[in-house]
Every structure is written in structure tokens, then in C-alpha cells.
Amino acid sequence: MKTQNEIIKQGYDALINSLGVPDTIRFIQYFSPGKGDYTKERHQWLDEKTLADVLVEIKELSEDDTNQYDEIIE
């Protein structure tokens, strides 16, 4: 079984081999671990919504047909 460090190194190597160094850096910078405690913070908005509300919002998002990754690909 591989160690976590071995998997991370293999992942970086795969990205670099596929994208090259500059684009690998851009790719990694796009994703951030974030801050705060999502489990706690989600209750600030989620507890006020019903399941039906959430489903309506999901449907609206899919209808918007926006591509959040355009800036990376261009």
C-alpha cells in the first residue's frame, strides 16, 4: 500500500506530465482547501431551508448552464 506522500507525489507528477509546470500551478491554485468549519457553518443556511427549497435551487443552477471552469480552459 502506498503512503499518502507517495500518492501525492504521483498525483503531482501526473499533473506535471499532462499539463506542464505552469498549467499544473494554475490548476492547483484554482482549488483551495478553504477556511472555517463547513460542518458548523452549513447549519447557518441549511437549517432554514426545506429539502424542496434545496431541490429547486439545484434545478435552477443546472438550468443556468454556466461553466465555472471556462477561465481555466481558456
PDB file of N, CA and C in Angstrom:
ATOM      1  N   MET A   1       0.841  -1.173   0.000  1.00  0.00           N
ATOM      2  CA  MET A   1       0.000   0.000   0.000  1.00  0.00           C
ATOM      3  C   MET A   1       0.899   1.253   0.000  1.00  0.00           C
ATOM      4  N   LYS A   2       0.534   2.203  -0.820  1.00  0.00           N
ATOM      5  CA  LYS A   2       1.306   3.443  -0.918  1.00  0.00           C
ATOM      6  C   LYS A   2       1.017   4.340   0.279  1.00  0.00           C
ATOM      7  N   THR A   3       2.023   5.132   0.640  1.00  0.00           N
ATOM      8  CA  THR A   3       1.817   6.122   1.692  1.00  0.00           C
ATOM      9  C   THR A   3       1.108   7.333   1.092  1.00  0.00           C
ATOM     10  N   GLN A   4       0.572   8.172   1.958  1.00  0.00           N
ATOM     11  CA  GLN A   4      -0.102   9.387   1.485  1.00  0.00           C
ATOM     12  C   GLN A   4       0.877  10.272   0.696  1.00  0.00           C
ATOM     13  N   ASN A   5       2.098  10.374   1.160  1.00  0.00           N
ATOM     14  CA  ASN A   5       3.099  11.186   0.452  1.00  0.00           C
ATOM     15  C   ASN A   5       3.412  10.627  -0.933  1.00  0.00           C
ATOM     16  N   GLU A   6       3.454   9.312  -1.050  1.00  0.00           N
ATOM     17  CA  GLU A   6       3.702   8.694  -2.358  1.00  0.00           C
ATOM     18  C   GLU A   6       2.558   8.984  -3.320  1.00  0.00           C
ATOM     19  N   ILE A   7       1.341   8.923  -2.831  1.00  0.00           N
ATOM     20  CA  ILE A   7       0.172   9.207  -3.675  1.00  0.00           C
ATOM     21  C   ILE A   7       0.177  10.666  -4.117  1.00  0.00           C
ATOM     22  N   ILE A   8       0.492  11.572  -3.180  1.00  0.00           N
ATOM     23  CA  ILE A   8       0.550  12.997  -3.518  1.00  0.00           C
ATOM     24  C   ILE A   8       1.623  13.246  -4.570  1.00  0.00           C
ATOM     25  N   LYS A   9       2.811  12.663  -4.392  1.00  0.00           N
ATOM     26  CA  LYS A   9       3.892  12.842  -5.367  1.00  0.00           C
ATOM     27  C   LYS A   9       3.488  12.293  -6.731  1.00  0.00           C
ATOM     28  N   GLN A  10       2.868  11.122  -6.748  1.00  0.00           N
ATOM     29  CA  GLN A  10       2.422  10.528  -8.003  1.00  0.00           C
ATOM     30  C   GLN A  10       1.380  11.415  -8.679  1.00  0.00           C
ATOM     31  N   GLY A  11       0.501  12.001  -7.896  1.00  0.00           N
ATOM     32  CA  GLY A  11      -0.506  12.910  -8.445  1.00  0.00           C
ATOM     33  C   GLY A  11       0.123  14.157  -9.058  1.00  0.00           C
ATOM     34  N   TYR A  12       1.059  14.763  -8.330  1.00  0.00           N
ATOM     35  CA  TYR A  12       1.749  15.934  -8.875  1.00  0.00           C
ATOM     36  C   TYR A  12       2.504  15.575 -10.152  1.00  0.00           C
ATOM     37  N   ASP A  13       3.179  14.433 -10.139  1.00  0.00           N
ATOM     38  CA  ASP A  13       3.917  14.006 -11.333  1.00  0.00           C
ATOM     39  C   ASP A  13       2.979  13.825 -12.519  1.00  0.00           C
ATOM     40  N   ALA A  14       1.809  13.232 -12.282  1.00  0.00           N
ATOM     41  CA  ALA A  14       0.842  13.029 -13.360  1.00  0.00           C
ATOM     42  C   ALA A  14       0.351  14.373 -13.904  1.00  0.00           C
ATOM     43  N   LEU A  15       0.084  15.316 -13.013  1.00  0.00           N
ATOM     44  CA  LEU A  15      -0.348  16.641 -13.456  1.00  0.00           C
ATOM     45  C   LEU A  15       0.737  17.324 -14.279  1.00  0.00           C
ATOM     46  N   ILE A  16       1.952  17.285 -13.786  1.00  0.00           N
ATOM     47  CA  ILE A  16       3.067  17.938 -14.492  1.00  0.00           C
ATOM     48  C   ILE A  16       3.291  17.289 -15.849  1.00  0.00           C
ATOM     49  N   ASN A  17       3.248  15.963 -15.908  1.00  0.00           N
ATOM     50  CA  ASN A  17       3.434  15.267 -17.186  1.00  0.00           C
ATOM     51  C   ASN A  17       2.320  15.588 -18.168  1.00  0.00           C
ATOM     52  N   SER A  18       1.117  15.785 -17.656  1.00  0.00           N
ATOM     53  CA  SER A  18      -0.027  16.044 -18.521  1.00  0.00           C
ATOM     54  C   SER A  18      -0.163  17.510 -18.899  1.00  0.00           C
ATOM     55  N   LEU A  19       0.031  18.392 -17.920  1.00  0.00           N
ATOM     56  CA  LEU A  19      -0.236  19.818 -18.131  1.00  0.00           C
ATOM     57  C   LEU A  19       1.012  20.680 -18.287  1.00  0.00           C
ATOM     58  N   GLY A  20       2.131  20.191 -17.825  1.00  0.00           N
ATOM     59  CA  GLY A  20       3.325  21.030 -17.758  1.00  0.00           C
ATOM     60  C   GLY A  20       3.317  21.799 -16.439  1.00  0.00           C
ATOM     61  N   VAL A  21       4.459  22.342 -16.079  1.00  0.00           N
ATOM     62  CA  VAL A  21       4.591  23.009 -14.784  1.00  0.00           C
ATOM     63  C   VAL A  21       3.690  24.240 -14.654  1.00  0.00           C
ATOM     64  N   PRO A  22       3.703  25.171 -15.610  1.00  0.00           N
ATOM     65  CA  PRO A  22       2.879  26.386 -15.429  1.00  0.00           C
ATOM     66  C   PRO A  22       1.383  26.081 -15.269  1.00  0.00           C
ATOM     67  N   ASP A  23       0.859  25.186 -16.099  1.00  0.00           N
ATOM     68  CA  ASP A  23      -0.566  24.879 -16.013  1.00  0.00           C
ATOM     69  C   ASP A  23      -0.896  24.034 -14.789  1.00  0.00           C
ATOM     70  N   THR A  24       0.048  23.228 -14.327  1.00  0.00           N
ATOM     71  CA  THR A  24      -0.156  22.498 -13.075  1.00  0.00           C
ATOM     72  C   THR A  24      -0.293  23.476 -11.925  1.00  0.00           C
ATOM     73  N   ILE A  25       0.555  24.498 -11.904  1.00  0.00           N
ATOM     74  CA  ILE A  25       0.475  25.518 -10.855  1.00  0.00           C
ATOM     75  C   ILE A  25      -0.871  26.227 -10.923  1.00  0.00           C
ATOM     76  N   ARG A  26      -1.310  26.599 -12.118  1.00  0.00           N
ATOM     77  CA  ARG A  26      -2.620  27.251 -12.269  1.00  0.00           C
ATOM     78  C   ARG A  26      -3.739  26.349 -11.777  1.00  0.00           C
ATOM     79  N   PHE A  27      -3.663  25.063 -12.111  1.00  0.00           N
ATOM     80  CA  PHE A  27      -4.679  24.099 -11.693  1.00  0.00           C
ATOM     81  C   PHE A  27      -4.737  23.998 -10.167  1.00  0.00           C
ATOM     82  N   ILE A  28      -3.590  23.863  -9.546  1.00  0.00           N
ATOM     83  CA  ILE A  28      -3.538  23.713  -8.090  1.00  0.00           C
ATOM     84  C   ILE A  28      -4.015  24.985  -7.393  1.00  0.00           C
ATOM     85  N   GLN A  29      -3.661  26.149  -7.932  1.00  0.00           N
ATOM     86  CA  GLN A  29      -4.088  27.406  -7.329  1.00  0.00           C
ATOM     87  C   GLN A  29      -5.598  27.584  -7.404  1.00  0.00           C
ATOM     88  N   TYR A  30      -6.227  26.997  -8.388  1.00  0.00           N
ATOM     89  CA  TYR A  30      -7.671  27.134  -8.554  1.00  0.00           C
ATOM     90  C   TYR A  30      -8.424  26.476  -7.403  1.00  0.00           C
ATOM     91  N   PHE A  31      -7.873  25.406  -6.885  1.00  0.00           N
ATOM     92  CA  PHE A  31      -8.504  24.677  -5.794  1.00  0.00           C
ATOM     93  C   PHE A  31      -7.828  25.046  -4.485  1.00  0.00           C
ATOM     94  N   SER A  32      -8.608  25.498  -3.524  1.00  0.00           N
ATOM     95  CA  SER A  32      -8.050  25.819  -2.223  1.00  0.00           C
ATOM     96  C   SER A  32      -8.781  25.002  -1.160  1.00  0.00           C
ATOM     97  N   PRO A  33      -8.104  24.710  -0.076  1.00  0.00           N
ATOM     98  CA  PRO A  33      -8.747  23.923   0.963  1.00  0.00           C
ATOM     99  C   PRO A  33      -9.853  24.681   1.696  1.00  0.00           C
ATOM    100  N   GLY A  34      -9.907  25.986   1.511  1.00  0.00           N
ATOM    101  CA  GLY A  34     -10.936  26.779   2.177  1.00  0.00           C
ATOM    102  C   GLY A  34     -10.586  27.054   3.620  1.00  0.00           C
ATOM    103  N   LYS A  35     -11.491  27.739   4.278  1.00  0.00           N
ATOM    104  CA  LYS A  35     -11.268  28.104   5.675  1.00  0.00           C
ATOM    105  C   LYS A  35     -12.551  27.886   6.446  1.00  0.00           C
ATOM    106  N   GLY A  36     -12.425  27.763   7.727  1.00  0.00           N
ATOM    107  CA  GLY A  36     -13.594  27.639   8.571  1.00  0.00           C
ATOM    108  C   GLY A  36     -13.999  26.200   8.805  1.00  0.00           C
ATOM    109  N   ASP A  37     -15.168  26.043   9.376  1.00  0.00           N
ATOM    110  CA  ASP A  37     -15.714  24.728   9.709  1.00  0.00           C
ATOM    111  C   ASP A  37     -17.019  24.558   8.947  1.00  0.00           C
ATOM    112  N   TYR A  38     -16.952  23.920   7.798  1.00  0.00           N
ATOM    113  CA  TYR A  38     -18.123  23.776   6.931  1.00  0.00           C
ATOM    114  C   TYR A  38     -19.261  23.077   7.659  1.00  0.00           C
ATOM    115  N   THR A  39     -18.933  22.068   8.443  1.00  0.00           N
ATOM    116  CA  THR A  39     -19.979  21.315   9.128  1.00  0.00           C
ATOM    117  C   THR A  39     -20.804  22.216  10.033  1.00  0.00           C
ATOM    118  N   LYS A  40     -20.139  23.121  10.744  1.00  0.00           N
ATOM    119  CA  LYS A  40     -20.857  24.071  11.608  1.00  0.00           C
ATOM    120  C   LYS A  40     -21.555  25.148  10.786  1.00  0.00           C
ATOM    121  N   GLU A  41     -20.822  25.712   9.836  1.00  0.00           N
ATOM    122  CA  GLU A  41     -21.326  26.870   9.090  1.00  0.00           C
ATOM    123  C   GLU A  41     -22.513  26.528   8.188  1.00  0.00           C
ATOM    124  N   ARG A  42     -22.579  25.314   7.695  1.00  0.00           N
ATOM    125  CA  ARG A  42     -23.679  24.971   6.794  1.00  0.00           C
ATOM    126  C   ARG A  42     -25.030  25.049   7.485  1.00  0.00           C
ATOM    127  N   HIS A  43     -25.025  24.866   8.805  1.00  0.00           N
ATOM    128  CA  HIS A  43     -26.284  24.945   9.548  1.00  0.00           C
ATOM    129  C   HIS A  43     -26.842  26.366   9.562  1.00  0.00           C
ATOM    130  N   GLN A  44     -25.979  27.370   9.354  1.00  0.00           N
ATOM    131  CA  GLN A  44     -26.447  28.752   9.329  1.00  0.00           C
ATOM    132  C   GLN A  44     -27.401  28.982   8.160  1.00  0.00           C
ATOM    133  N   TRP A  45     -27.222  28.284   7.078  1.00  0.00           N
ATOM    134  CA  TRP A  45     -28.118  28.449   5.924  1.00  0.00           C
ATOM    135  C   TRP A  45     -28.984  27.226   5.674  1.00  0.00           C
ATOM    136  N   LEU A  46     -28.454  26.053   5.962  1.00  0.00           N
ATOM    137  CA  LEU A  46     -29.187  24.835   5.633  1.00  0.00           C
ATOM    138  C   LEU A  46     -30.374  24.589   6.563  1.00  0.00           C
ATOM    139  N   ASP A  47     -30.245  24.953   7.816  1.00  0.00           N
ATOM    140  CA  ASP A  47     -31.337  24.714   8.763  1.00  0.00           C
ATOM    141  C   ASP A  47     -32.580  25.535   8.438  1.00  0.00           C
ATOM    142  N   GLU A  48     -32.409  26.597   7.668  1.00  0.00           N
ATOM    143  CA  GLU A  48     -33.530  27.466   7.323  1.00  0.00           C
ATOM    144  C   GLU A  48     -34.237  27.035   6.044  1.00  0.00           C
ATOM    145  N   LYS A  49     -33.739  26.001   5.372  1.00  0.00           N
ATOM    146  CA  LYS A  49     -34.301  25.576   4.092  1.00  0.00           C
ATOM    147  C   LYS A  49     -34.907  24.190   4.200  1.00  0.00           C
ATOM    148  N   THR A  50     -35.932  23.994   3.422  1.00  0.00           N
ATOM    149  CA  THR A  50     -36.519  22.660   3.325  1.00  0.00           C
ATOM    150  C   THR A  50     -35.815  21.906   2.203  1.00  0.00           C
ATOM    151  N   LEU A  51     -36.039  20.624   2.145  1.00  0.00           N
ATOM    152  CA  LEU A  51     -35.487  19.824   1.055  1.00  0.00           C
ATOM    153  C   LEU A  51     -36.017  20.331  -0.282  1.00  0.00           C
ATOM    154  N   ALA A  52     -37.276  20.698  -0.317  1.00  0.00           N
ATOM    155  CA  ALA A  52     -37.874  21.221  -1.555  1.00  0.00           C
ATOM    156  C   ALA A  52     -37.159  22.492  -2.009  1.00  0.00           C
ATOM    157  N   ASP A  53     -36.808  23.373  -1.061  1.00  0.00           N
ATOM    158  CA  ASP A  53     -36.068  24.600  -1.402  1.00  0.00           C
ATOM    159  C   ASP A  53     -34.721  24.261  -2.050  1.00  0.00           C
ATOM    160  N   VAL A  54     -34.024  23.313  -1.453  1.00  0.00           N
ATOM    161  CA  VAL A  54     -32.706  22.920  -1.962  1.00  0.00           C
ATOM    162  C   VAL A  54     -32.840  22.331  -3.363  1.00  0.00           C
ATOM    163  N   LEU A  55     -33.833  21.491  -3.581  1.00  0.00           N
ATOM    164  CA  LEU A  55     -34.031  20.871  -4.892  1.00  0.00           C
ATOM    165  C   LEU A  55     -34.355  21.918  -5.962  1.00  0.00           C
ATOM    166  N   VAL A  56     -35.144  22.918  -5.608  1.00  0.00           N
ATOM    167  CA  VAL A  56     -35.456  23.993  -6.554  1.00  0.00           C
ATOM    168  C   VAL A  56     -34.177  24.743  -6.927  1.00  0.00           C
ATOM    169  N   GLU A  57     -33.342  25.040  -5.935  1.00  0.00           N
ATOM    170  CA  GLU A  57     -32.090  25.754  -6.212  1.00  0.00           C
ATOM    171  C   GLU A  57     -31.155  24.932  -7.090  1.00  0.00           C
ATOM    172  N   ILE A  58     -31.087  23.641  -6.855  1.00  0.00           N
ATOM    173  CA  ILE A  58     -30.245  22.779  -7.690  1.00  0.00           C
ATOM    174  C   ILE A  58     -30.747  22.799  -9.128  1.00  0.00           C
ATOM    175  N   LYS A  59     -32.047  22.707  -9.305  1.00  0.00           N
ATOM    176  CA  LYS A  59     -32.620  22.729 -10.649  1.00  0.00           C
ATOM    177  C   LYS A  59     -32.327  24.057 -11.341  1.00  0.00           C
ATOM    178  N   GLU A  60     -32.436  25.161 -10.607  1.00  0.00           N
ATOM    179  CA  GLU A  60     -32.147  26.479 -11.182  1.00  0.00           C
ATOM    180  C   GLU A  60     -30.687  26.583 -11.602  1.00  0.00           C
ATOM    181  N   LEU A  61     -29.788  26.043 -10.799  1.00  0.00           N
ATOM    182  CA  LEU A  61     -28.371  26.090 -11.145  1.00  0.00           C
ATOM    183  C   LEU A  61     -28.098  25.305 -12.423  1.00  0.00           C
ATOM    184  N   SER A  62     -28.707  24.132 -12.543  1.00  0.00           N
ATOM    185  CA  SER A  62     -28.456  23.326 -13.739  1.00  0.00           C
ATOM    186  C   SER A  62     -29.052  23.983 -14.978  1.00  0.00           C
ATOM    187  N   GLU A  63     -30.106  24.758 -14.811  1.00  0.00           N
ATOM    188  CA  GLU A  63     -30.720  25.443 -15.956  1.00  0.00           C
ATOM    189  C   GLU A  63     -29.905  26.652 -16.408  1.00  0.00           C
ATOM    190  N   ASP A  64     -29.111  27.207 -15.503  1.00  0.00           N
ATOM    191  CA  ASP A  64     -28.285  28.362 -15.851  1.00  0.00           C
ATOM    192  C   ASP A  64     -27.248  28.005 -16.911  1.00  0.00           C
ATOM    193  N   ASP A  65     -26.828  26.742 -16.928  1.00  0.00           N
ATOM    194  CA  ASP A  65     -25.887  26.237 -17.916  1.00  0.00           C
ATOM    195  C   ASP A  65     -24.610  27.063 -17.973  1.00  0.00           C
ATOM    196  N   THR A  66     -24.094  27.437 -16.814  1.00  0.00           N
ATOM    197  CA  THR A  66     -22.823  28.157 -16.772  1.00  0.00           C
ATOM    198  C   THR A  66     -21.708  27.151 -16.585  1.00  0.00           C
ATOM    199  N   ASN A  67     -20.571  27.470 -17.121  1.00  0.00           N
ATOM    200  CA  ASN A  67     -19.418  26.596 -16.981  1.00  0.00           C
ATOM    201  C   ASN A  67     -18.399  27.298 -16.102  1.00  0.00           C
ATOM    202  N   GLN A  68     -18.289  26.861 -14.859  1.00  0.00           N
ATOM    203  CA  GLN A  68     -17.405  27.509 -13.921  1.00  0.00           C
ATOM    204  C   GLN A  68     -15.925  27.270 -14.237  1.00  0.00           C
ATOM    205  N   TYR A  69     -15.627  26.384 -15.172  1.00  0.00           N
ATOM    206  CA  TYR A  69     -14.237  26.075 -15.477  1.00  0.00           C
ATOM    207  C   TYR A  69     -13.729  26.776 -16.738  1.00  0.00           C
ATOM    208  N   ASP A  70     -14.532  27.628 -17.343  1.00  0.00           N
ATOM    209  CA  ASP A  70     -14.100  28.309 -18.564  1.00  0.00           C
ATOM    210  C   ASP A  70     -12.790  29.049 -18.375  1.00  0.00           C
ATOM    211  N   GLU A  71     -12.622  29.707 -17.245  1.00  0.00           N
ATOM    212  CA  GLU A  71     -11.419  30.512 -17.036  1.00  0.00           C
ATOM    213  C   GLU A  71     -10.160  29.654 -17.016  1.00  0.00           C
ATOM    214  N   ILE A  72     -10.261  28.401 -16.624  1.00  0.00           N
ATOM    215  CA  ILE A  72      -9.099  27.518 -16.611  1.00  0.00           C
ATOM    216  C   ILE A  72      -8.754  27.060 -18.013  1.00  0.00           C
ATOM    217  N   ILE A  73      -9.750  26.738 -18.785  1.00  0.00           N
ATOM    218  CA  ILE A  73      -9.544  26.136 -20.105  1.00  0.00           C
ATOM    219  C   ILE A  73      -9.068  27.155 -21.129  1.00  0.00           C
ATOM    220  N   GLU A  74      -9.519  28.389 -20.983  1.00  0.00           N
ATOM    221  CA  GLU A  74      -9.175  29.395 -22.000  1.00  0.00           C
ATOM    222  C   GLU A  74      -7.714  29.729 -22.021  1.00  0.00           C
TER     223      GLU A  74
END
